[in-house]
Amino acid sequence: MFGFIKRLLGGGNDAQLGEWLQNGAIIIDVRTPGEYRGGHAPKSINIPLDQVQGQIKKIKAYNKPVITCCASGNRSGAAAGILRGAGIEVVNGGPWQVVDSAAKAQAAAK
C-alpha cells in the first residue's frame, strides 16, 4: 500500500536521489517559507509552489537537473510537472526528509 502511495505522490528512492545529486542536481523545496525555516535539506532552494511558474527562467539558468521536495510529495509532484512542462529535467523527491537523507548520504560518500 505504501509503495502505491509513494508512486502516486512521487518520491525518488535514496539511491536514485543520490545519483541525481552526484550528477549536480539542485534541490528545490516548494513548501512555504515558514515550513522551510522549520527544517530543510542542505543547500536546498526555497521556491514555494505558487511561485514556481514565475521562476522558470531563474531555474533554467542553473542549467542543472532539479529535485523537488515538500512535506508529503504532493506539492513537489505538482512543481515537477510544471518544470517538466518547461523542459527542465526534474524528479519529484517527495518529502524533504527523504531528500535530506539522500543529500547527507551523498555528502558522506564524498
PDB file of N, CA and C in Angstrom:
ATOM      1  N   MET A   1       0.821  -1.198   0.000  1.00  0.00           N
ATOM      2  CA  MET A   1       0.000   0.000   0.000  1.00  0.00           C
ATOM      3  C   MET A   1       0.864   1.261   0.000  1.00  0.00           C
ATOM      4  N   PHE A   2       1.890   1.291   0.889  1.00  0.00           N
ATOM      5  CA  PHE A   2       2.751   2.465   0.960  1.00  0.00           C
ATOM      6  C   PHE A   2       3.469   2.695  -0.365  1.00  0.00           C
ATOM      7  N   GLY A   3       3.915   1.616  -0.996  1.00  0.00           N
ATOM      8  CA  GLY A   3       4.594   1.745  -2.285  1.00  0.00           C
ATOM      9  C   GLY A   3       3.701   2.379  -3.334  1.00  0.00           C
ATOM     10  N   PHE A   4       2.421   2.011  -3.325  1.00  0.00           N
ATOM     11  CA  PHE A   4       1.472   2.599  -4.266  1.00  0.00           C
ATOM     12  C   PHE A   4       1.339   4.087  -4.008  1.00  0.00           C
ATOM     13  N   ILE A   5       1.206   4.458  -2.735  1.00  0.00           N
ATOM     14  CA  ILE A   5       1.066   5.875  -2.393  1.00  0.00           C
ATOM     15  C   ILE A   5       2.324   6.636  -2.777  1.00  0.00           C
ATOM     16  N   LYS A   6       3.487   6.048  -2.521  1.00  0.00           N
ATOM     17  CA  LYS A   6       4.748   6.703  -2.874  1.00  0.00           C
ATOM     18  C   LYS A   6       4.847   6.917  -4.378  1.00  0.00           C
ATOM     19  N   ARG A   7       4.441   5.903  -5.150  1.00  0.00           N
ATOM     20  CA  ARG A   7       4.475   6.057  -6.611  1.00  0.00           C
ATOM     21  C   ARG A   7       3.474   7.109  -7.063  1.00  0.00           C
ATOM     22  N   LEU A   8       2.317   7.148  -6.412  1.00  0.00           N
ATOM     23  CA  LEU A   8       1.283   8.111  -6.771  1.00  0.00           C
ATOM     24  C   LEU A   8       1.746   9.542  -6.504  1.00  0.00           C
ATOM     25  N   LEU A   9       2.302   9.763  -5.321  1.00  0.00           N
ATOM     26  CA  LEU A   9       2.734  11.107  -4.939  1.00  0.00           C
ATOM     27  C   LEU A   9       4.122  11.440  -5.463  1.00  0.00           C
ATOM     28  N   GLY A  10       4.845  10.441  -5.840  1.00  0.00           N
ATOM     29  CA  GLY A  10       6.201  10.657  -6.298  1.00  0.00           C
ATOM     30  C   GLY A  10       7.168  10.411  -5.164  1.00  0.00           C
ATOM     31  N   GLY A  11       8.387  10.665  -5.409  1.00  0.00           N
ATOM     32  CA  GLY A  11       9.404  10.476  -4.386  1.00  0.00           C
ATOM     33  C   GLY A  11      10.399   9.442  -4.851  1.00  0.00           C
ATOM     34  N   GLY A  12      11.572   9.916  -5.140  1.00  0.00           N
ATOM     35  CA  GLY A  12      12.609   9.006  -5.576  1.00  0.00           C
ATOM     36  C   GLY A  12      13.167   8.241  -4.389  1.00  0.00           C
ATOM     37  N   ASN A  13      13.770   7.109  -4.658  1.00  0.00           N
ATOM     38  CA  ASN A  13      14.420   6.394  -3.564  1.00  0.00           C
ATOM     39  C   ASN A  13      15.785   7.022  -3.321  1.00  0.00           C
ATOM     40  N   ASP A  14      16.389   6.683  -2.175  1.00  0.00           N
ATOM     41  CA  ASP A  14      17.667   7.294  -1.808  1.00  0.00           C
ATOM     42  C   ASP A  14      18.738   7.085  -2.877  1.00  0.00           C
ATOM     43  N   ALA A  15      18.790   5.894  -3.460  1.00  0.00           N
ATOM     44  CA  ALA A  15      19.804   5.613  -4.484  1.00  0.00           C
ATOM     45  C   ALA A  15      19.598   6.497  -5.710  1.00  0.00           C
ATOM     46  N   GLN A  16      18.353   6.614  -6.152  1.00  0.00           N
ATOM     47  CA  GLN A  16      18.057   7.450  -7.318  1.00  0.00           C
ATOM     48  C   GLN A  16      18.391   8.913  -7.014  1.00  0.00           C
ATOM     49  N   LEU A  17      17.972   9.379  -5.848  1.00  0.00           N
ATOM     50  CA  LEU A  17      18.244  10.770  -5.497  1.00  0.00           C
ATOM     51  C   LEU A  17      19.740  11.004  -5.344  1.00  0.00           C
ATOM     52  N   GLY A  18      20.443  10.044  -4.761  1.00  0.00           N
ATOM     53  CA  GLY A  18      21.891  10.159  -4.631  1.00  0.00           C
ATOM     54  C   GLY A  18      22.567  10.279  -5.981  1.00  0.00           C
ATOM     55  N   GLU A  19      22.080   9.514  -6.942  1.00  0.00           N
ATOM     56  CA  GLU A  19      22.625   9.579  -8.298  1.00  0.00           C
ATOM     57  C   GLU A  19      22.380  10.950  -8.913  1.00  0.00           C
ATOM     58  N   TRP A  20      21.178  11.471  -8.735  1.00  0.00           N
ATOM     59  CA  TRP A  20      20.861  12.809  -9.258  1.00  0.00           C
ATOM     60  C   TRP A  20      21.752  13.860  -8.595  1.00  0.00           C
ATOM     61  N   LEU A  21      21.916  13.765  -7.271  1.00  0.00           N
ATOM     62  CA  LEU A  21      22.760  14.723  -6.559  1.00  0.00           C
ATOM     63  C   LEU A  21      24.211  14.619  -7.018  1.00  0.00           C
ATOM     64  N   GLN A  22      24.679  13.404  -7.221  1.00  0.00           N
ATOM     65  CA  GLN A  22      26.045  13.189  -7.704  1.00  0.00           C
ATOM     66  C   GLN A  22      26.224  13.830  -9.080  1.00  0.00           C
ATOM     67  N   ASN A  23      25.169  13.866  -9.862  1.00  0.00           N
ATOM     68  CA  ASN A  23      25.225  14.464 -11.203  1.00  0.00           C
ATOM     69  C   ASN A  23      24.940  15.960 -11.181  1.00  0.00           C
ATOM     70  N   GLY A  24      24.951  16.566  -9.977  1.00  0.00           N
ATOM     71  CA  GLY A  24      24.849  18.025  -9.887  1.00  0.00           C
ATOM     72  C   GLY A  24      23.458  18.597  -9.758  1.00  0.00           C
ATOM     73  N   ALA A  25      22.466  17.774  -9.458  1.00  0.00           N
ATOM     74  CA  ALA A  25      21.102  18.289  -9.331  1.00  0.00           C
ATOM     75  C   ALA A  25      20.995  19.294  -8.195  1.00  0.00           C
ATOM     76  N   ILE A  26      20.134  20.277  -8.392  1.00  0.00           N
ATOM     77  CA  ILE A  26      19.808  21.211  -7.321  1.00  0.00           C
ATOM     78  C   ILE A  26      18.497  20.754  -6.680  1.00  0.00           C
ATOM     79  N   ILE A  27      18.320  21.108  -5.425  1.00  0.00           N
ATOM     80  CA  ILE A  27      17.108  20.752  -4.690  1.00  0.00           C
ATOM     81  C   ILE A  27      16.252  21.997  -4.542  1.00  0.00           C
ATOM     82  N   ILE A  28      15.015  21.895  -5.012  1.00  0.00           N
ATOM     83  CA  ILE A  28      14.068  22.995  -4.832  1.00  0.00           C
ATOM     84  C   ILE A  28      12.964  22.513  -3.901  1.00  0.00           C
ATOM     85  N   ASP A  29      12.870  23.176  -2.748  1.00  0.00           N
ATOM     86  CA  ASP A  29      11.865  22.878  -1.733  1.00  0.00           C
ATOM     87  C   ASP A  29      10.691  23.816  -1.981  1.00  0.00           C
ATOM     88  N   VAL A  30       9.525  23.262  -2.283  1.00  0.00           N
ATOM     89  CA  VAL A  30       8.385  24.086  -2.689  1.00  0.00           C
ATOM     90  C   VAL A  30       7.397  24.367  -1.547  1.00  0.00           C
ATOM     91  N   ARG A  31       7.832  24.143  -0.306  1.00  0.00           N
ATOM     92  CA  ARG A  31       6.985  24.473   0.837  1.00  0.00           C
ATOM     93  C   ARG A  31       6.993  25.979   1.080  1.00  0.00           C
ATOM     94  N   THR A  32       6.150  26.413   1.988  1.00  0.00           N
ATOM     95  CA  THR A  32       6.114  27.832   2.343  1.00  0.00           C
ATOM     96  C   THR A  32       7.402  28.213   3.069  1.00  0.00           C
ATOM     97  N   PRO A  33       7.750  29.500   3.099  1.00  0.00           N
ATOM     98  CA  PRO A  33       8.951  29.918   3.826  1.00  0.00           C
ATOM     99  C   PRO A  33       8.921  29.501   5.302  1.00  0.00           C
ATOM    100  N   GLY A  34       7.772  29.548   5.931  1.00  0.00           N
ATOM    101  CA  GLY A  34       7.661  29.136   7.323  1.00  0.00           C
ATOM    102  C   GLY A  34       7.968  27.658   7.510  1.00  0.00           C
ATOM    103  N   GLU A  35       7.445  26.825   6.616  1.00  0.00           N
ATOM    104  CA  GLU A  35       7.739  25.394   6.672  1.00  0.00           C
ATOM    105  C   GLU A  35       9.232  25.156   6.448  1.00  0.00           C
ATOM    106  N   TYR A  36       9.785  25.869   5.493  1.00  0.00           N
ATOM    107  CA  TYR A  36      11.203  25.725   5.146  1.00  0.00           C
ATOM    108  C   TYR A  36      12.090  26.081   6.339  1.00  0.00           C
ATOM    109  N   ARG A  37      11.743  27.167   7.032  1.00  0.00           N
ATOM    110  CA  ARG A  37      12.521  27.568   8.205  1.00  0.00           C
ATOM    111  C   ARG A  37      12.490  26.503   9.296  1.00  0.00           C
ATOM    112  N   GLY A  38      11.464  25.683   9.312  1.00  0.00           N
ATOM    113  CA  GLY A  38      11.334  24.624  10.302  1.00  0.00           C
ATOM    114  C   GLY A  38      12.259  23.439  10.058  1.00  0.00           C
ATOM    115  N   GLY A  39      12.937  23.401   8.948  1.00  0.00           N
ATOM    116  CA  GLY A  39      13.850  22.321   8.597  1.00  0.00           C
ATOM    117  C   GLY A  39      13.854  22.107   7.099  1.00  0.00           C
ATOM    118  N   HIS A  40      15.028  21.840   6.545  1.00  0.00           N
ATOM    119  CA  HIS A  40      15.151  21.630   5.105  1.00  0.00           C
ATOM    120  C   HIS A  40      16.453  20.911   4.777  1.00  0.00           C
ATOM    121  N   ALA A  41      16.516  20.379   3.585  1.00  0.00           N
ATOM    122  CA  ALA A  41      17.725  19.705   3.110  1.00  0.00           C
ATOM    123  C   ALA A  41      18.834  20.734   2.898  1.00  0.00           C
ATOM    124  N   PRO A  42      20.074  20.348   3.166  1.00  0.00           N
ATOM    125  CA  PRO A  42      21.183  21.290   2.973  1.00  0.00           C
ATOM    126  C   PRO A  42      21.278  21.738   1.513  1.00  0.00           C
ATOM    127  N   LYS A  43      21.600  22.997   1.350  1.00  0.00           N
ATOM    128  CA  LYS A  43      21.794  23.617   0.030  1.00  0.00           C
ATOM    129  C   LYS A  43      20.522  23.654  -0.817  1.00  0.00           C
ATOM    130  N   SER A  44      19.368  23.356  -0.216  1.00  0.00           N
ATOM    131  CA  SER A  44      18.125  23.443  -0.993  1.00  0.00           C
ATOM    132  C   SER A  44      17.737  24.908  -1.168  1.00  0.00           C
ATOM    133  N   ILE A  45      16.962  25.148  -2.200  1.00  0.00           N
ATOM    134  CA  ILE A  45      16.472  26.479  -2.528  1.00  0.00           C
ATOM    135  C   ILE A  45      14.974  26.485  -2.267  1.00  0.00           C
ATOM    136  N   ASN A  46      14.495  27.481  -1.542  1.00  0.00           N
ATOM    137  CA  ASN A  46      13.069  27.558  -1.238  1.00  0.00           C
ATOM    138  C   ASN A  46      12.354  28.406  -2.289  1.00  0.00           C
ATOM    139  N   ILE A  47      11.551  27.741  -3.101  1.00  0.00           N
ATOM    140  CA  ILE A  47      10.675  28.431  -4.057  1.00  0.00           C
ATOM    141  C   ILE A  47       9.292  27.833  -3.850  1.00  0.00           C
ATOM    142  N   PRO A  48       8.421  28.533  -3.107  1.00  0.00           N
ATOM    143  CA  PRO A  48       7.083  27.983  -2.852  1.00  0.00           C
ATOM    144  C   PRO A  48       6.360  27.625  -4.159  1.00  0.00           C
ATOM    145  N   LEU A  49       5.534  26.593  -4.079  1.00  0.00           N
ATOM    146  CA  LEU A  49       4.844  26.082  -5.265  1.00  0.00           C
ATOM    147  C   LEU A  49       4.157  27.183  -6.053  1.00  0.00           C
ATOM    148  N   ASP A  50       3.502  28.116  -5.377  1.00  0.00           N
ATOM    149  CA  ASP A  50       2.770  29.162  -6.100  1.00  0.00           C
ATOM    150  C   ASP A  50       3.687  30.156  -6.813  1.00  0.00           C
ATOM    151  N   GLN A  51       5.005  30.027  -6.623  1.00  0.00           N
ATOM    152  CA  GLN A  51       5.964  30.909  -7.289  1.00  0.00           C
ATOM    153  C   GLN A  51       6.803  30.189  -8.347  1.00  0.00           C
ATOM    154  N   VAL A  52       6.656  28.871  -8.445  1.00  0.00           N
ATOM    155  CA  VAL A  52       7.496  28.082  -9.362  1.00  0.00           C
ATOM    156  C   VAL A  52       7.338  28.549 -10.807  1.00  0.00           C
ATOM    157  N   GLN A  53       6.123  28.703 -11.268  1.00  0.00           N
ATOM    158  CA  GLN A  53       5.882  29.102 -12.664  1.00  0.00           C
ATOM    159  C   GLN A  53       6.605  30.413 -12.982  1.00  0.00           C
ATOM    160  N   GLY A  54       6.567  31.357 -12.070  1.00  0.00           N
ATOM    161  CA  GLY A  54       7.208  32.652 -12.290  1.00  0.00           C
ATOM    162  C   GLY A  54       8.722  32.618 -12.176  1.00  0.00           C
ATOM    163  N   GLN A  55       9.276  31.520 -11.693  1.00  0.00           N
ATOM    164  CA  GLN A  55      10.725  31.393 -11.510  1.00  0.00           C
ATOM    165  C   GLN A  55      11.380  30.463 -12.542  1.00  0.00           C
ATOM    166  N   ILE A  56      10.632  30.099 -13.572  1.00  0.00           N
ATOM    167  CA  ILE A  56      11.153  29.167 -14.583  1.00  0.00           C
ATOM    168  C   ILE A  56      12.478  29.649 -15.169  1.00  0.00           C
ATOM    169  N   LYS A  57      12.576  30.921 -15.550  1.00  0.00           N
ATOM    170  CA  LYS A  57      13.821  31.428 -16.151  1.00  0.00           C
ATOM    171  C   LYS A  57      14.982  31.285 -15.174  1.00  0.00           C
ATOM    172  N   LYS A  58      14.747  31.629 -13.918  1.00  0.00           N
ATOM    173  CA  LYS A  58      15.788  31.517 -12.891  1.00  0.00           C
ATOM    174  C   LYS A  58      16.223  30.061 -12.731  1.00  0.00           C
ATOM    175  N   ILE A  59      15.259  29.159 -12.696  1.00  0.00           N
ATOM    176  CA  ILE A  59      15.564  27.737 -12.520  1.00  0.00           C
ATOM    177  C   ILE A  59      16.316  27.205 -13.736  1.00  0.00           C
ATOM    178  N   LYS A  60      15.892  27.607 -14.922  1.00  0.00           N
ATOM    179  CA  LYS A  60      16.597  27.174 -16.136  1.00  0.00           C
ATOM    180  C   LYS A  60      18.031  27.696 -16.156  1.00  0.00           C
ATOM    181  N   ALA A  61      18.254  28.880 -15.592  1.00  0.00           N
ATOM    182  CA  ALA A  61      19.588  29.489 -15.593  1.00  0.00           C
ATOM    183  C   ALA A  61      20.593  28.669 -14.780  1.00  0.00           C
ATOM    184  N   TYR A  62      20.133  27.875 -13.833  1.00  0.00           N
ATOM    185  CA  TYR A  62      21.040  26.999 -13.091  1.00  0.00           C
ATOM    186  C   TYR A  62      21.661  25.953 -14.022  1.00  0.00           C
ATOM    187  N   ASN A  63      20.947  25.631 -15.104  1.00  0.00           N
ATOM    188  CA  ASN A  63      21.409  24.660 -16.091  1.00  0.00           C
ATOM    189  C   ASN A  63      21.802  23.332 -15.437  1.00  0.00           C
ATOM    190  N   LYS A  64      20.945  22.887 -14.507  1.00  0.00           N
ATOM    191  CA  LYS A  64      21.186  21.638 -13.788  1.00  0.00           C
ATOM    192  C   LYS A  64      19.864  20.898 -13.648  1.00  0.00           C
ATOM    193  N   PRO A  65      19.940  19.579 -13.478  1.00  0.00           N
ATOM    194  CA  PRO A  65      18.707  18.848 -13.181  1.00  0.00           C
ATOM    195  C   PRO A  65      18.187  19.276 -11.808  1.00  0.00           C
ATOM    196  N   VAL A  66      16.905  19.049 -11.585  1.00  0.00           N
ATOM    197  CA  VAL A  66      16.242  19.532 -10.367  1.00  0.00           C
ATOM    198  C   VAL A  66      15.573  18.379  -9.627  1.00  0.00           C
ATOM    199  N   ILE A  67      15.707  18.408  -8.308  1.00  0.00           N
ATOM    200  CA  ILE A  67      14.951  17.526  -7.423  1.00  0.00           C
ATOM    201  C   ILE A  67      13.995  18.424  -6.654  1.00  0.00           C
ATOM    202  N   THR A  68      12.707  18.156  -6.742  1.00  0.00           N
ATOM    203  CA  THR A  68      11.739  18.929  -5.968  1.00  0.00           C
ATOM    204  C   THR A  68      11.380  18.160  -4.706  1.00  0.00           C
ATOM    205  N   CYS A  69      11.046  18.892  -3.648  1.00  0.00           N
ATOM    206  CA  CYS A  69      10.588  18.264  -2.414  1.00  0.00           C
ATOM    207  C   CYS A  69       9.615  19.185  -1.696  1.00  0.00           C
ATOM    208  N   CYS A  70       8.872  18.614  -0.768  1.00  0.00           N
ATOM    209  CA  CYS A  70       7.908  19.373   0.039  1.00  0.00           C
ATOM    210  C   CYS A  70       7.682  18.597   1.333  1.00  0.00           C
ATOM    211  N   ALA A  71       6.476  18.660   1.870  1.00  0.00           N
ATOM    212  CA  ALA A  71       6.177  17.938   3.111  1.00  0.00           C
ATOM    213  C   ALA A  71       5.788  16.484   2.848  1.00  0.00           C
ATOM    214  N   SER A  72       5.012  16.239   1.799  1.00  0.00           N
ATOM    215  CA  SER A  72       4.484  14.895   1.565  1.00  0.00           C
ATOM    216  C   SER A  72       4.822  14.319   0.188  1.00  0.00           C
ATOM    217  N   GLY A  73       5.142  15.163  -0.749  1.00  0.00           N
ATOM    218  CA  GLY A  73       5.376  14.728  -2.118  1.00  0.00           C
ATOM    219  C   GLY A  73       4.310  15.229  -3.071  1.00  0.00           C
ATOM    220  N   ASN A  74       3.222  15.758  -2.527  1.00  0.00           N
ATOM    221  CA  ASN A  74       2.122  16.233  -3.363  1.00  0.00           C
ATOM    222  C   ASN A  74       2.486  17.540  -4.077  1.00  0.00           C
ATOM    223  N   ARG A  75       2.892  18.554  -3.319  1.00  0.00           N
ATOM    224  CA  ARG A  75       3.255  19.837  -3.943  1.00  0.00           C
ATOM    225  C   ARG A  75       4.501  19.695  -4.812  1.00  0.00           C
ATOM    226  N   SER A  76       5.456  18.879  -4.358  1.00  0.00           N
ATOM    227  CA  SER A  76       6.669  18.703  -5.165  1.00  0.00           C
ATOM    228  C   SER A  76       6.353  17.980  -6.464  1.00  0.00           C
ATOM    229  N   GLY A  77       5.335  17.115  -6.442  1.00  0.00           N
ATOM    230  CA  GLY A  77       4.890  16.460  -7.672  1.00  0.00           C
ATOM    231  C   GLY A  77       4.298  17.458  -8.643  1.00  0.00           C
ATOM    232  N   ALA A  78       3.503  18.387  -8.109  1.00  0.00           N
ATOM    233  CA  ALA A  78       2.918  19.439  -8.956  1.00  0.00           C
ATOM    234  C   ALA A  78       4.020  20.324  -9.528  1.00  0.00           C
ATOM    235  N   ALA A  79       4.999  20.677  -8.694  1.00  0.00           N
ATOM    236  CA  ALA A  79       6.108  21.512  -9.155  1.00  0.00           C
ATOM    237  C   ALA A  79       6.921  20.783 -10.225  1.00  0.00           C
ATOM    238  N   ALA A  80       7.148  19.489 -10.016  1.00  0.00           N
ATOM    239  CA  ALA A  80       7.896  18.706 -11.004  1.00  0.00           C
ATOM    240  C   ALA A  80       7.168  18.712 -12.343  1.00  0.00           C
ATOM    241  N   GLY A  81       5.855  18.615 -12.305  1.00  0.00           N
ATOM    242  CA  GLY A  81       5.070  18.661 -13.536  1.00  0.00           C
ATOM    243  C   GLY A  81       5.216  19.991 -14.258  1.00  0.00           C
ATOM    244  N   ILE A  82       5.204  21.079 -13.497  1.00  0.00           N
ATOM    245  CA  ILE A  82       5.376  22.421 -14.079  1.00  0.00           C
ATOM    246  C   ILE A  82       6.755  22.528 -14.721  1.00  0.00           C
ATOM    247  N   LEU A  83       7.775  22.088 -13.997  1.00  0.00           N
ATOM    248  CA  LEU A  83       9.141  22.190 -14.513  1.00  0.00           C
ATOM    249  C   LEU A  83       9.362  21.281 -15.715  1.00  0.00           C
ATOM    250  N   ARG A  84       8.826  20.069 -15.652  1.00  0.00           N
ATOM    251  CA  ARG A  84       8.936  19.137 -16.776  1.00  0.00           C
ATOM    252  C   ARG A  84       8.280  19.756 -18.020  1.00  0.00           C
ATOM    253  N   GLY A  85       7.142  20.396 -17.829  1.00  0.00           N
ATOM    254  CA  GLY A  85       6.443  21.047 -18.939  1.00  0.00           C
ATOM    255  C   GLY A  85       7.236  22.190 -19.543  1.00  0.00           C
ATOM    256  N   ALA A  86       8.160  22.753 -18.747  1.00  0.00           N
ATOM    257  CA  ALA A  86       9.013  23.844 -19.230  1.00  0.00           C
ATOM    258  C   ALA A  86      10.326  23.315 -19.809  1.00  0.00           C
ATOM    259  N   GLY A  87      10.449  21.979 -19.884  1.00  0.00           N
ATOM    260  CA  GLY A  87      11.635  21.384 -20.484  1.00  0.00           C
ATOM    261  C   GLY A  87      12.804  21.196 -19.532  1.00  0.00           C
ATOM    262  N   ILE A  88      12.536  21.231 -18.238  1.00  0.00           N
ATOM    263  CA  ILE A  88      13.589  21.053 -17.239  1.00  0.00           C
ATOM    264  C   ILE A  88      13.623  19.592 -16.805  1.00  0.00           C
ATOM    265  N   GLU A  89      14.816  19.025 -16.714  1.00  0.00           N
ATOM    266  CA  GLU A  89      14.983  17.651 -16.235  1.00  0.00           C
ATOM    267  C   GLU A  89      14.720  17.663 -14.730  1.00  0.00           C
ATOM    268  N   VAL A  90      13.724  16.922 -14.293  1.00  0.00           N
ATOM    269  CA  VAL A  90      13.293  17.016 -12.891  1.00  0.00           C
ATOM    270  C   VAL A  90      12.794  15.677 -12.387  1.00  0.00           C
ATOM    271  N   VAL A  91      12.983  15.448 -11.080  1.00  0.00           N
ATOM    272  CA  VAL A  91      12.412  14.294 -10.404  1.00  0.00           C
ATOM    273  C   VAL A  91      11.758  14.799  -9.117  1.00  0.00           C
ATOM    274  N   ASN A  92      10.623  14.217  -8.798  1.00  0.00           N
ATOM    275  CA  ASN A  92       9.951  14.530  -7.549  1.00  0.00           C
ATOM    276  C   ASN A  92      10.614  13.720  -6.447  1.00  0.00           C
ATOM    277  N   GLY A  93      11.314  14.413  -5.556  1.00  0.00           N
ATOM    278  CA  GLY A  93      11.990  13.741  -4.455  1.00  0.00           C
ATOM    279  C   GLY A  93      11.061  13.349  -3.328  1.00  0.00           C
ATOM    280  N   GLY A  94       9.848  13.901  -3.331  1.00  0.00           N
ATOM    281  CA  GLY A  94       8.885  13.581  -2.279  1.00  0.00           C
ATOM    282  C   GLY A  94       9.126  14.407  -1.035  1.00  0.00           C
ATOM    283  N   PRO A  95       8.928  13.811   0.140  1.00  0.00           N
ATOM    284  CA  PRO A  95       9.108  14.548   1.389  1.00  0.00           C
ATOM    285  C   PRO A  95      10.540  15.060   1.552  1.00  0.00           C
ATOM    286  N   TRP A  96      10.679  16.245   2.091  1.00  0.00           N
ATOM    287  CA  TRP A  96      12.001  16.847   2.215  1.00  0.00           C
ATOM    288  C   TRP A  96      12.935  15.995   3.073  1.00  0.00           C
ATOM    289  N   GLN A  97      12.387  15.241   4.008  1.00  0.00           N
ATOM    290  CA  GLN A  97      13.233  14.411   4.863  1.00  0.00           C
ATOM    291  C   GLN A  97      13.933  13.309   4.052  1.00  0.00           C
ATOM    292  N   VAL A  98      13.245  12.796   3.036  1.00  0.00           N
ATOM    293  CA  VAL A  98      13.830  11.780   2.163  1.00  0.00           C
ATOM    294  C   VAL A  98      14.983  12.398   1.362  1.00  0.00           C
ATOM    295  N   VAL A  99      14.768  13.582   0.845  1.00  0.00           N
ATOM    296  CA  VAL A  99      15.802  14.279   0.079  1.00  0.00           C
ATOM    297  C   VAL A  99      16.963  14.646   0.999  1.00  0.00           C
ATOM    298  N   ASP A 100      16.651  15.087   2.206  1.00  0.00           N
ATOM    299  CA  ASP A 100      17.674  15.431   3.194  1.00  0.00           C
ATOM    300  C   ASP A 100      18.556  14.217   3.489  1.00  0.00           C
ATOM    301  N   SER A 101      17.930  13.066   3.691  1.00  0.00           N
ATOM    302  CA  SER A 101      18.661  11.838   3.964  1.00  0.00           C
ATOM    303  C   SER A 101      19.585  11.471   2.795  1.00  0.00           C
ATOM    304  N   ALA A 102      19.067  11.583   1.587  1.00  0.00           N
ATOM    305  CA  ALA A 102      19.866  11.274   0.397  1.00  0.00           C
ATOM    306  C   ALA A 102      21.024  12.264   0.252  1.00  0.00           C
ATOM    307  N   ALA A 103      20.769  13.534   0.517  1.00  0.00           N
ATOM    308  CA  ALA A 103      21.819  14.564   0.405  1.00  0.00           C
ATOM    309  C   ALA A 103      22.920  14.309   1.432  1.00  0.00           C
ATOM    310  N   LYS A 104      22.532  13.951   2.648  1.00  0.00           N
ATOM    311  CA  LYS A 104      23.529  13.689   3.693  1.00  0.00           C
ATOM    312  C   LYS A 104      24.323  12.433   3.374  1.00  0.00           C
ATOM    313  N   ALA A 105      23.669  11.413   2.844  1.00  0.00           N
ATOM    314  CA  ALA A 105      24.372  10.193   2.448  1.00  0.00           C
ATOM    315  C   ALA A 105      25.337  10.481   1.310  1.00  0.00           C
ATOM    316  N   GLN A 106      24.917  11.294   0.371  1.00  0.00           N
ATOM    317  CA  GLN A 106      25.765  11.672  -0.761  1.00  0.00           C
ATOM    318  C   GLN A 106      26.979  12.442  -0.274  1.00  0.00           C
ATOM    319  N   ALA A 107      26.773  13.377   0.650  1.00  0.00           N
ATOM    320  CA  ALA A 107      27.878  14.177   1.191  1.00  0.00           C
ATOM    321  C   ALA A 107      28.860  13.284   1.966  1.00  0.00           C
ATOM    322  N   ALA A 108      28.358  12.316   2.711  1.00  0.00           N
ATOM    323  CA  ALA A 108      29.209  11.424   3.495  1.00  0.00           C
ATOM    324  C   ALA A 108      30.026  10.500   2.598  1.00  0.00           C
ATOM    325  N   ALA A 109      29.503  10.194   1.410  1.00  0.00           N
ATOM    326  CA  ALA A 109      30.179   9.288   0.481  1.00  0.00           C
ATOM    327  C   ALA A 109      31.344   9.968  -0.238  1.00  0.00           C
ATOM    328  N   LYS A 110      31.386  11.272  -0.194  1.00  0.00           N
ATOM    329  CA  LYS A 110      32.454  12.007  -0.907  1.00  0.00           C
ATOM    330  C   LYS A 110      33.781  11.876  -0.215  1.00  0.00           C
TER     331      LYS A 110
END
